[in-house]
Amino acid sequence: MCIVFTPGCGPESDSLSTRSRDLGAGSGIRATVTADDWGTDWDPGRGSSDSTAGASTIWAVVLATFPSESGSRAAADNMMRQLQTLAPQLDELWVHSAGSGAMVVSGRYDSAENPDAQAALHRIKAVEIQGQPAFARAMLTRVRVRPVGLATHPLSLMSVRLRYPNLDPLYTLEVGIWGDFESGLLTLKQIHEKAETQTRELRNRGFEAYFYHDNDKRLSVVSVGVFDHTAIDARSGMYGPALQSLMDQFPAHLVNGETLLEPIDGRDVSRGTRVQRPMPVLIPKR
């Protein structure tokens, strides 16, 4: 059985990777932020799904907010997908959900004074879409998030960062993804369990497999292998022999255990579909 992906619907696999897709324009989103929306010290503890044991405080640049109402998370996800096409230079986007709603943010910083945070804020405010400033009112906001990845687990992808803290970039091959996709069929615990089971099964077959839990997106990714910068030629984009050999052993990218199909040409669906292949993705830094 296969899953057919068509633009604008279907499961997303951006927990680790960003796969380019054709997106519809005009979602009615509000791409500005004011102090009345979240405020510079916004704390989602009031009914937030992130106010759980082990949550930590970080700073991020807020690009847009969506009030707490039905579909706020879906609207935020839709905006992020559009921005991946319209403003590909925004490469650290993620969606944060809380009891107060959802927001599209960029980056994760330890303080508002962090030079990287200030540089990111300046860069985002300068982004133009169709000749107009898109995020002139972006601001740095403090949020509380759940820990991602269970770095202490030996099969967690984040454990790789603990072993190689000074290697950048680091790649892995994303071969599967598990999620509920707003169907109500899988709990977060079940998503975790299925990804961890698939990881162990791949380990039993001799592959260096890992799982990665992104609780904000309610997704778990399964990947194989760890590669440094030599795996992808910076000039040609060609894959090195070790990475290519591994890719040859995984002919299909799986979503909830089933083959994912994608359009051959997103602009002309009449051309049919093809199997989406696993792709190397960057290992998150945190």
C-alpha atoms as a PDB file:
ATOM      1  CA  MET A   1       0.000   0.000   0.000  1.00  0.00           C
ATOM      2  CA  CYS A   2       1.273   3.487  -0.833  1.00  0.00           C
ATOM      3  CA  ILE A   3       0.566   6.969   0.422  1.00  0.00           C
ATOM      4  CA  VAL A   4       0.157   9.533  -2.348  1.00  0.00           C
ATOM      5  CA  PHE A   5       1.313  13.029  -1.504  1.00  0.00           C
ATOM      6  CA  THR A   6      -0.312  15.925  -3.349  1.00  0.00           C
ATOM      7  CA  PRO A   7       0.675  19.577  -2.839  1.00  0.00           C
ATOM      8  CA  GLY A   8      -1.017  21.202   0.099  1.00  0.00           C
ATOM      9  CA  CYS A   9      -2.039  18.020   1.908  1.00  0.00           C
ATOM     10  CA  GLY A  10      -0.631  14.883   3.392  1.00  0.00           C
ATOM     11  CA  PRO A  11       2.049  14.221   5.990  1.00  0.00           C
ATOM     12  CA  GLU A  12       4.970  16.579   6.396  1.00  0.00           C
ATOM     13  CA  SER A  13       8.561  15.442   6.869  1.00  0.00           C
ATOM     14  CA  ASP A  14      10.203  18.682   7.933  1.00  0.00           C
ATOM     15  CA  SER A  15      11.224  17.591  11.414  1.00  0.00           C
ATOM     16  CA  LEU A  16      14.698  17.041  10.019  1.00  0.00           C
ATOM     17  CA  SER A  17      14.519  17.784   6.340  1.00  0.00           C
ATOM     18  CA  THR A  18      12.885  20.395   4.136  1.00  0.00           C
ATOM     19  CA  ARG A  19      11.501  18.849   0.959  1.00  0.00           C
ATOM     20  CA  SER A  20      10.517  21.456  -1.646  1.00  0.00           C
ATOM     21  CA  ARG A  21       6.874  21.334  -2.664  1.00  0.00           C
ATOM     22  CA  ASP A  22       4.498  23.445  -4.742  1.00  0.00           C
ATOM     23  CA  LEU A  23       2.280  25.483  -2.423  1.00  0.00           C
ATOM     24  CA  GLY A  24      -0.895  27.437  -2.932  1.00  0.00           C
ATOM     25  CA  ALA A  25      -0.801  31.190  -2.314  1.00  0.00           C
ATOM     26  CA  GLY A  26      -3.016  33.253  -0.061  1.00  0.00           C
ATOM     27  CA  SER A  27      -3.607  31.523   3.254  1.00  0.00           C
ATOM     28  CA  GLY A  28      -4.957  34.595   5.041  1.00  0.00           C
ATOM     29  CA  ILE A  29      -2.211  34.406   7.655  1.00  0.00           C
ATOM     30  CA  ARG A  30      -1.087  37.364   9.696  1.00  0.00           C
ATOM     31  CA  ALA A  31       2.675  37.726   9.212  1.00  0.00           C
ATOM     32  CA  THR A  32       3.216  40.399  11.858  1.00  0.00           C
ATOM     33  CA  VAL A  33       3.749  40.302  15.599  1.00  0.00           C
ATOM     34  CA  THR A  34       2.775  42.796  18.276  1.00  0.00           C
ATOM     35  CA  ALA A  35       3.207  42.895  22.024  1.00  0.00           C
ATOM     36  CA  ASP A  36      -0.501  42.104  22.325  1.00  0.00           C
ATOM     37  CA  ASP A  37       0.059  38.802  20.552  1.00  0.00           C
ATOM     38  CA  TRP A  38       2.704  37.174  22.720  1.00  0.00           C
ATOM     39  CA  GLY A  39       4.890  39.846  24.294  1.00  0.00           C
ATOM     40  CA  THR A  40       8.637  39.696  24.795  1.00  0.00           C
ATOM     41  CA  ASP A  41       8.244  37.520  27.902  1.00  0.00           C
ATOM     42  CA  TRP A  42       5.473  35.268  26.677  1.00  0.00           C
ATOM     43  CA  ASP A  43       5.230  32.176  28.857  1.00  0.00           C
ATOM     44  CA  PRO A  44       3.022  29.363  27.602  1.00  0.00           C
ATOM     45  CA  GLY A  45       2.549  27.954  31.084  1.00  0.00           C
ATOM     46  CA  ARG A  46      -1.113  28.957  31.046  1.00  0.00           C
ATOM     47  CA  GLY A  47      -2.569  25.723  29.734  1.00  0.00           C
ATOM     48  CA  SER A  48       0.372  25.108  27.434  1.00  0.00           C
ATOM     49  CA  SER A  49       1.049  21.651  26.102  1.00  0.00           C
ATOM     50  CA  ASP A  50       4.736  22.467  26.655  1.00  0.00           C
ATOM     51  CA  SER A  51       4.448  23.180  30.374  1.00  0.00           C
ATOM     52  CA  THR A  52       5.556  19.692  31.349  1.00  0.00           C
ATOM     53  CA  ALA A  53       8.324  18.361  33.506  1.00  0.00           C
ATOM     54  CA  GLY A  54      11.675  18.804  31.844  1.00  0.00           C
ATOM     55  CA  ALA A  55      10.604  21.812  29.768  1.00  0.00           C
ATOM     56  CA  SER A  56      13.284  24.443  29.213  1.00  0.00           C
ATOM     57  CA  THR A  57      13.242  28.136  28.384  1.00  0.00           C
ATOM     58  CA  ILE A  58      14.732  29.369  25.132  1.00  0.00           C
ATOM     59  CA  TRP A  59      14.517  32.472  22.973  1.00  0.00           C
ATOM     60  CA  ALA A  60      13.331  32.504  19.358  1.00  0.00           C
ATOM     61  CA  VAL A  61      12.422  35.070  16.706  1.00  0.00           C
ATOM     62  CA  VAL A  62       8.651  35.195  16.199  1.00  0.00           C
ATOM     63  CA  LEU A  63       7.528  35.757  12.612  1.00  0.00           C
ATOM     64  CA  ALA A  64       3.767  35.233  12.936  1.00  0.00           C
ATOM     65  CA  THR A  65       1.160  34.264  15.518  1.00  0.00           C
ATOM     66  CA  PHE A  66      -2.105  32.359  15.361  1.00  0.00           C
ATOM     67  CA  PRO A  67      -4.643  32.719  18.221  1.00  0.00           C
ATOM     68  CA  SER A  68      -5.858  29.698  20.145  1.00  0.00           C
ATOM     69  CA  GLU A  69      -8.673  28.355  18.023  1.00  0.00           C
ATOM     70  CA  SER A  70      -9.454  25.358  15.880  1.00  0.00           C
ATOM     71  CA  GLY A  71      -6.896  25.054  13.119  1.00  0.00           C
ATOM     72  CA  SER A  72      -4.296  27.431  14.571  1.00  0.00           C
ATOM     73  CA  ARG A  73      -1.572  24.780  14.419  1.00  0.00           C
ATOM     74  CA  ALA A  74      -2.527  23.799  10.873  1.00  0.00           C
ATOM     75  CA  ALA A  75      -2.429  27.456   9.782  1.00  0.00           C
ATOM     76  CA  ALA A  76       1.026  27.885  11.318  1.00  0.00           C
ATOM     77  CA  ASP A  77       2.268  24.717   9.609  1.00  0.00           C
ATOM     78  CA  ASN A  78       0.870  25.960   6.300  1.00  0.00           C
ATOM     79  CA  MET A  79       2.659  29.291   6.651  1.00  0.00           C
ATOM     80  CA  MET A  80       5.955  27.590   7.413  1.00  0.00           C
ATOM     81  CA  ARG A  81       5.616  25.431   4.296  1.00  0.00           C
ATOM     82  CA  GLN A  82       4.931  28.507   2.172  1.00  0.00           C
ATOM     83  CA  LEU A  83       7.954  30.302   3.581  1.00  0.00           C
ATOM     84  CA  GLN A  84      10.176  27.357   2.724  1.00  0.00           C
ATOM     85  CA  THR A  85       9.319  28.150  -0.895  1.00  0.00           C
ATOM     86  CA  LEU A  86       8.961  31.950  -0.816  1.00  0.00           C
ATOM     87  CA  ALA A  87      11.891  32.683   1.514  1.00  0.00           C
ATOM     88  CA  PRO A  88      14.270  29.680   1.456  1.00  0.00           C
ATOM     89  CA  GLN A  89      16.923  31.741   3.262  1.00  0.00           C
ATOM     90  CA  LEU A  90      14.825  31.256   6.414  1.00  0.00           C
ATOM     91  CA  ASP A  91      16.320  27.843   7.139  1.00  0.00           C
ATOM     92  CA  GLU A  92      15.691  27.515  10.889  1.00  0.00           C
ATOM     93  CA  LEU A  93      11.894  27.767  10.979  1.00  0.00           C
ATOM     94  CA  TRP A  94       9.735  25.712  13.317  1.00  0.00           C
ATOM     95  CA  VAL A  95       6.223  25.874  14.764  1.00  0.00           C
ATOM     96  CA  HIS A  96       5.629  26.247  18.491  1.00  0.00           C
ATOM     97  CA  SER A  97       2.222  25.249  19.892  1.00  0.00           C
ATOM     98  CA  ALA A  98       0.819  26.234  23.276  1.00  0.00           C
ATOM     99  CA  GLY A  99      -2.470  26.774  25.052  1.00  0.00           C
ATOM    100  CA  SER A 100      -2.463  30.358  23.797  1.00  0.00           C
ATOM    101  CA  GLY A 101      -2.209  29.306  20.142  1.00  0.00           C
ATOM    102  CA  ALA A 102       0.628  28.645  17.733  1.00  0.00           C
ATOM    103  CA  MET A 103       3.407  30.683  16.224  1.00  0.00           C
ATOM    104  CA  VAL A 104       6.001  30.412  13.477  1.00  0.00           C
ATOM    105  CA  VAL A 105       9.437  31.052  14.928  1.00  0.00           C
ATOM    106  CA  SER A 106      13.065  30.862  13.868  1.00  0.00           C
ATOM    107  CA  GLY A 107      16.109  29.665  15.779  1.00  0.00           C
ATOM    108  CA  ARG A 108      16.722  28.586  19.366  1.00  0.00           C
ATOM    109  CA  TYR A 109      18.899  30.845  21.535  1.00  0.00           C
ATOM    110  CA  ASP A 110      19.943  30.950  25.165  1.00  0.00           C
ATOM    111  CA  SER A 111      19.237  34.684  25.556  1.00  0.00           C
ATOM    112  CA  ALA A 112      17.890  37.696  23.699  1.00  0.00           C
ATOM    113  CA  GLU A 113      21.353  39.270  23.903  1.00  0.00           C
ATOM    114  CA  ASN A 114      23.003  36.342  22.126  1.00  0.00           C
ATOM    115  CA  PRO A 115      24.799  37.838  19.077  1.00  0.00           C
ATOM    116  CA  ASP A 116      23.434  35.051  16.871  1.00  0.00           C
ATOM    117  CA  ALA A 117      19.902  35.868  18.042  1.00  0.00           C
ATOM    118  CA  GLN A 118      20.337  39.566  17.302  1.00  0.00           C
ATOM    119  CA  ALA A 119      21.817  38.801  13.891  1.00  0.00           C
ATOM    120  CA  ALA A 120      18.912  36.470  13.109  1.00  0.00           C
ATOM    121  CA  LEU A 121      16.389  39.135  14.133  1.00  0.00           C
ATOM    122  CA  HIS A 122      18.080  41.711  11.891  1.00  0.00           C
ATOM    123  CA  ARG A 123      18.223  39.254   8.987  1.00  0.00           C
ATOM    124  CA  ILE A 124      14.562  38.282   9.325  1.00  0.00           C
ATOM    125  CA  LYS A 125      13.392  41.902   9.483  1.00  0.00           C
ATOM    126  CA  ALA A 126      15.232  42.517   6.207  1.00  0.00           C
ATOM    127  CA  VAL A 127      13.460  39.683   4.342  1.00  0.00           C
ATOM    128  CA  GLU A 128      11.301  40.888   1.468  1.00  0.00           C
ATOM    129  CA  ILE A 129       8.605  38.953  -0.376  1.00  0.00           C
ATOM    130  CA  GLN A 130       7.419  40.438  -3.656  1.00  0.00           C
ATOM    131  CA  GLY A 131       9.412  43.572  -2.895  1.00  0.00           C
ATOM    132  CA  GLN A 132       7.809  44.252   0.482  1.00  0.00           C
ATOM    133  CA  PRO A 133       9.216  43.738   4.005  1.00  0.00           C
ATOM    134  CA  ALA A 134       7.583  40.554   5.252  1.00  0.00           C
ATOM    135  CA  PHE A 135       8.496  40.570   8.946  1.00  0.00           C
ATOM    136  CA  ALA A 136       9.259  44.155   9.903  1.00  0.00           C
ATOM    137  CA  ARG A 137       7.651  43.607  13.322  1.00  0.00           C
ATOM    138  CA  ALA A 138       9.393  40.350  14.168  1.00  0.00           C
ATOM    139  CA  MET A 139      10.649  40.143  17.747  1.00  0.00           C
ATOM    140  CA  LEU A 140      12.623  37.906  20.062  1.00  0.00           C
ATOM    141  CA  THR A 141      10.360  36.057  22.466  1.00  0.00           C
ATOM    142  CA  ARG A 142      11.005  33.694  25.345  1.00  0.00           C
ATOM    143  CA  VAL A 143       9.213  30.348  25.127  1.00  0.00           C
ATOM    144  CA  ARG A 144       9.215  27.118  27.091  1.00  0.00           C
ATOM    145  CA  VAL A 145       9.708  23.935  25.110  1.00  0.00           C
ATOM    146  CA  ARG A 146       9.894  20.262  25.851  1.00  0.00           C
ATOM    147  CA  PRO A 147      13.252  18.560  25.395  1.00  0.00           C
ATOM    148  CA  VAL A 148      13.639  17.020  21.944  1.00  0.00           C
ATOM    149  CA  GLY A 149      15.343  13.809  21.031  1.00  0.00           C
ATOM    150  CA  LEU A 150      16.118  12.046  24.356  1.00  0.00           C
ATOM    151  CA  ALA A 151      19.834  12.705  23.915  1.00  0.00           C
ATOM    152  CA  THR A 152      20.776  10.273  26.687  1.00  0.00           C
ATOM    153  CA  HIS A 153      19.236   7.284  24.860  1.00  0.00           C
ATOM    154  CA  PRO A 154      21.945   5.460  22.876  1.00  0.00           C
ATOM    155  CA  LEU A 155      19.646   5.123  19.846  1.00  0.00           C
ATOM    156  CA  SER A 156      18.584   8.773  19.871  1.00  0.00           C
ATOM    157  CA  LEU A 157      19.935  10.794  16.966  1.00  0.00           C
ATOM    158  CA  MET A 158      20.866  13.518  19.440  1.00  0.00           C
ATOM    159  CA  SER A 159      23.343  11.149  21.064  1.00  0.00           C
ATOM    160  CA  VAL A 160      25.402  11.542  17.895  1.00  0.00           C
ATOM    161  CA  ARG A 161      25.846  15.227  18.721  1.00  0.00           C
ATOM    162  CA  LEU A 162      27.164  14.259  22.130  1.00  0.00           C
ATOM    163  CA  ARG A 163      29.768  12.018  20.485  1.00  0.00           C
ATOM    164  CA  TYR A 164      30.774  14.535  17.805  1.00  0.00           C
ATOM    165  CA  PRO A 165      30.171  18.001  19.321  1.00  0.00           C
ATOM    166  CA  ASN A 166      32.670  19.766  17.067  1.00  0.00           C
ATOM    167  CA  LEU A 167      31.785  18.223  13.707  1.00  0.00           C
ATOM    168  CA  ASP A 168      29.643  20.402  11.469  1.00  0.00           C
ATOM    169  CA  PRO A 169      27.871  19.564   9.274  1.00  0.00           C
ATOM    170  CA  LEU A 170      26.705  16.079  10.220  1.00  0.00           C
ATOM    171  CA  TYR A 171      24.283  14.190   7.980  1.00  0.00           C
ATOM    172  CA  THR A 172      22.037  11.165   8.366  1.00  0.00           C
ATOM    173  CA  LEU A 173      19.741   9.393   5.899  1.00  0.00           C
ATOM    174  CA  GLU A 174      16.056   9.882   6.767  1.00  0.00           C
ATOM    175  CA  VAL A 175      14.287   6.642   5.853  1.00  0.00           C
ATOM    176  CA  GLY A 176      11.011   6.886   7.780  1.00  0.00           C
ATOM    177  CA  ILE A 177       8.706   9.171   9.686  1.00  0.00           C
ATOM    178  CA  TRP A 178       5.884   8.499  12.137  1.00  0.00           C
ATOM    179  CA  GLY A 179       3.083  10.870  13.078  1.00  0.00           C
ATOM    180  CA  ASP A 180      -0.605  11.287  13.774  1.00  0.00           C
ATOM    181  CA  PHE A 181      -1.099  14.027  11.152  1.00  0.00           C
ATOM    182  CA  GLU A 182      -4.209  15.246  13.039  1.00  0.00           C
ATOM    183  CA  SER A 183      -6.012  11.958  12.397  1.00  0.00           C
ATOM    184  CA  GLY A 184      -6.520  11.136  16.074  1.00  0.00           C
ATOM    185  CA  LEU A 185      -5.320   7.584  15.473  1.00  0.00           C
ATOM    186  CA  LEU A 186      -1.945   7.736  17.246  1.00  0.00           C
ATOM    187  CA  THR A 187      -0.982   9.195  20.597  1.00  0.00           C
ATOM    188  CA  LEU A 188       2.410  10.841  21.063  1.00  0.00           C
ATOM    189  CA  LYS A 189       3.530   7.817  23.071  1.00  0.00           C
ATOM    190  CA  GLN A 190       2.511   5.464  20.248  1.00  0.00           C
ATOM    191  CA  ILE A 191       4.382   7.613  17.716  1.00  0.00           C
ATOM    192  CA  HIS A 192       7.506   7.339  19.858  1.00  0.00           C
ATOM    193  CA  GLU A 193       7.102   3.594  20.293  1.00  0.00           C
ATOM    194  CA  LYS A 194       6.665   2.922  16.575  1.00  0.00           C
ATOM    195  CA  ALA A 195       9.744   4.936  15.635  1.00  0.00           C
ATOM    196  CA  GLU A 196      11.820   3.259  18.336  1.00  0.00           C
ATOM    197  CA  THR A 197      10.601  -0.179  17.239  1.00  0.00           C
ATOM    198  CA  GLN A 198      11.554   0.518  13.623  1.00  0.00           C
ATOM    199  CA  THR A 199      14.950   1.761  14.810  1.00  0.00           C
ATOM    200  CA  ARG A 200      15.591  -1.446  16.745  1.00  0.00           C
ATOM    201  CA  GLU A 201      14.482  -3.544  13.777  1.00  0.00           C
ATOM    202  CA  LEU A 202      16.966  -1.753  11.525  1.00  0.00           C
ATOM    203  CA  ARG A 203      19.673  -2.234  14.164  1.00  0.00           C
ATOM    204  CA  ASN A 204      18.915  -5.961  14.175  1.00  0.00           C
ATOM    205  CA  ARG A 205      19.449  -5.945  10.410  1.00  0.00           C
ATOM    206  CA  GLY A 206      22.904  -4.415  10.882  1.00  0.00           C
ATOM    207  CA  PHE A 207      22.158  -0.768  10.133  1.00  0.00           C
ATOM    208  CA  GLU A 208      23.331   2.136  12.318  1.00  0.00           C
ATOM    209  CA  ALA A 209      19.792   3.391  12.930  1.00  0.00           C
ATOM    210  CA  TYR A 210      18.530   6.235  15.136  1.00  0.00           C
ATOM    211  CA  PHE A 211      15.230   7.841  16.129  1.00  0.00           C
ATOM    212  CA  TYR A 212      14.492  11.528  16.610  1.00  0.00           C
ATOM    213  CA  HIS A 213      11.390  12.723  18.490  1.00  0.00           C
ATOM    214  CA  ASP A 214      10.082  16.196  17.636  1.00  0.00           C
ATOM    215  CA  ASN A 215       7.305  16.653  20.185  1.00  0.00           C
ATOM    216  CA  ASP A 216       6.356  20.125  18.968  1.00  0.00           C
ATOM    217  CA  LYS A 217       5.458  18.696  15.565  1.00  0.00           C
ATOM    218  CA  ARG A 218       4.239  15.362  17.010  1.00  0.00           C
ATOM    219  CA  LEU A 219       6.578  13.536  14.641  1.00  0.00           C
ATOM    220  CA  SER A 220       9.273  10.917  15.070  1.00  0.00           C
ATOM    221  CA  VAL A 221      11.921  10.361  12.420  1.00  0.00           C
ATOM    222  CA  VAL A 222      13.933   7.206  11.785  1.00  0.00           C
ATOM    223  CA  SER A 223      17.299   7.548  10.081  1.00  0.00           C
ATOM    224  CA  VAL A 224      20.366   5.474   9.299  1.00  0.00           C
ATOM    225  CA  GLY A 225      24.049   6.301   9.159  1.00  0.00           C
ATOM    226  CA  VAL A 226      26.150   9.283  10.193  1.00  0.00           C
ATOM    227  CA  PHE A 227      28.222  11.237   7.671  1.00  0.00           C
ATOM    228  CA  ASP A 228      30.463  14.285   7.784  1.00  0.00           C
ATOM    229  CA  HIS A 229      30.958  16.973   5.128  1.00  0.00           C
ATOM    230  CA  THR A 230      32.766  14.567   2.803  1.00  0.00           C
ATOM    231  CA  ALA A 231      29.490  12.702   2.137  1.00  0.00           C
ATOM    232  CA  ILE A 232      28.218  15.450  -0.190  1.00  0.00           C
ATOM    233  CA  ASP A 233      30.442  17.327  -2.621  1.00  0.00           C
ATOM    234  CA  ALA A 234      29.868  21.034  -2.004  1.00  0.00           C
ATOM    235  CA  ARG A 235      30.386  21.974  -5.655  1.00  0.00           C
ATOM    236  CA  SER A 236      28.611  19.240  -7.571  1.00  0.00           C
ATOM    237  CA  GLY A 237      26.129  18.020  -4.963  1.00  0.00           C
ATOM    238  CA  MET A 238      27.205  14.451  -5.754  1.00  0.00           C
ATOM    239  CA  TYR A 239      27.013  11.889  -2.965  1.00  0.00           C
ATOM    240  CA  GLY A 240      30.078  10.050  -1.735  1.00  0.00           C
ATOM    241  CA  PRO A 241      30.297   6.274  -2.254  1.00  0.00           C
ATOM    242  CA  ALA A 242      29.413   5.351   1.347  1.00  0.00           C
ATOM    243  CA  LEU A 243      26.290   7.516   1.383  1.00  0.00           C
ATOM    244  CA  GLN A 244      25.227   6.438  -2.108  1.00  0.00           C
ATOM    245  CA  SER A 245      25.659   2.773  -1.182  1.00  0.00           C
ATOM    246  CA  LEU A 246      23.407   3.233   1.836  1.00  0.00           C
ATOM    247  CA  MET A 247      20.787   5.094  -0.233  1.00  0.00           C
ATOM    248  CA  ASP A 248      20.723   2.204  -2.708  1.00  0.00           C
ATOM    249  CA  GLN A 249      19.623  -0.094   0.122  1.00  0.00           C
ATOM    250  CA  PHE A 250      16.589   2.082   0.947  1.00  0.00           C
ATOM    251  CA  PRO A 251      14.609   2.665  -2.267  1.00  0.00           C
ATOM    252  CA  ALA A 252      11.565   4.265  -0.598  1.00  0.00           C
ATOM    253  CA  HIS A 253      10.867   6.892   2.059  1.00  0.00           C
ATOM    254  CA  LEU A 254       8.257   5.466   4.459  1.00  0.00           C
ATOM    255  CA  VAL A 255       5.519   7.354   6.314  1.00  0.00           C
ATOM    256  CA  ASN A 256       3.886   5.358   9.100  1.00  0.00           C
ATOM    257  CA  GLY A 257       5.453   2.276   7.578  1.00  0.00           C
ATOM    258  CA  GLU A 258       4.056   2.819   4.088  1.00  0.00           C
ATOM    259  CA  THR A 259       5.687   3.995   0.862  1.00  0.00           C
ATOM    260  CA  LEU A 260       5.219   7.699   0.145  1.00  0.00           C
ATOM    261  CA  LEU A 261       4.447   8.728  -3.433  1.00  0.00           C
ATOM    262  CA  GLU A 262       5.051  12.257  -4.712  1.00  0.00           C
ATOM    263  CA  PRO A 263       4.064  14.023  -7.970  1.00  0.00           C
ATOM    264  CA  ILE A 264       6.572  13.731 -10.797  1.00  0.00           C
ATOM    265  CA  ASP A 265       5.773  17.363 -11.601  1.00  0.00           C
ATOM    266  CA  GLY A 266       3.940  19.427  -8.976  1.00  0.00           C
ATOM    267  CA  ARG A 267       2.785  21.808 -11.709  1.00  0.00           C
ATOM    268  CA  ASP A 268       1.243  19.042 -13.803  1.00  0.00           C
ATOM    269  CA  VAL A 269      -0.349  16.255 -11.723  1.00  0.00           C
ATOM    270  CA  SER A 270      -1.388  14.450 -14.895  1.00  0.00           C
ATOM    271  CA  ARG A 271       2.193  13.235 -15.222  1.00  0.00           C
ATOM    272  CA  GLY A 272       1.575  10.865 -12.344  1.00  0.00           C
ATOM    273  CA  THR A 273       3.549  10.009  -9.235  1.00  0.00           C
ATOM    274  CA  ARG A 274       6.794   8.363  -8.241  1.00  0.00           C
ATOM    275  CA  VAL A 275       8.192   6.823  -5.073  1.00  0.00           C
ATOM    276  CA  GLN A 276       9.783   9.424  -2.837  1.00  0.00           C
ATOM    277  CA  ARG A 277      13.364   8.397  -2.097  1.00  0.00           C
ATOM    278  CA  PRO A 278      15.097   8.819   1.267  1.00  0.00           C
ATOM    279  CA  MET A 279      17.322  11.881   1.366  1.00  0.00           C
ATOM    280  CA  PRO A 280      20.327  12.865   3.509  1.00  0.00           C
ATOM    281  CA  VAL A 281      19.392  15.505   6.093  1.00  0.00           C
ATOM    282  CA  LEU A 282      21.316  17.548   8.626  1.00  0.00           C
ATOM    283  CA  ILE A 283      21.441  16.235  12.165  1.00  0.00           C
ATOM    284  CA  PRO A 284      19.940  18.909  14.445  1.00  0.00           C
ATOM    285  CA  LYS A 285      22.313  20.673  16.786  1.00  0.00           C
ATOM    286  CA  ARG A 286      19.793  20.620  19.639  1.00  0.00           C
END
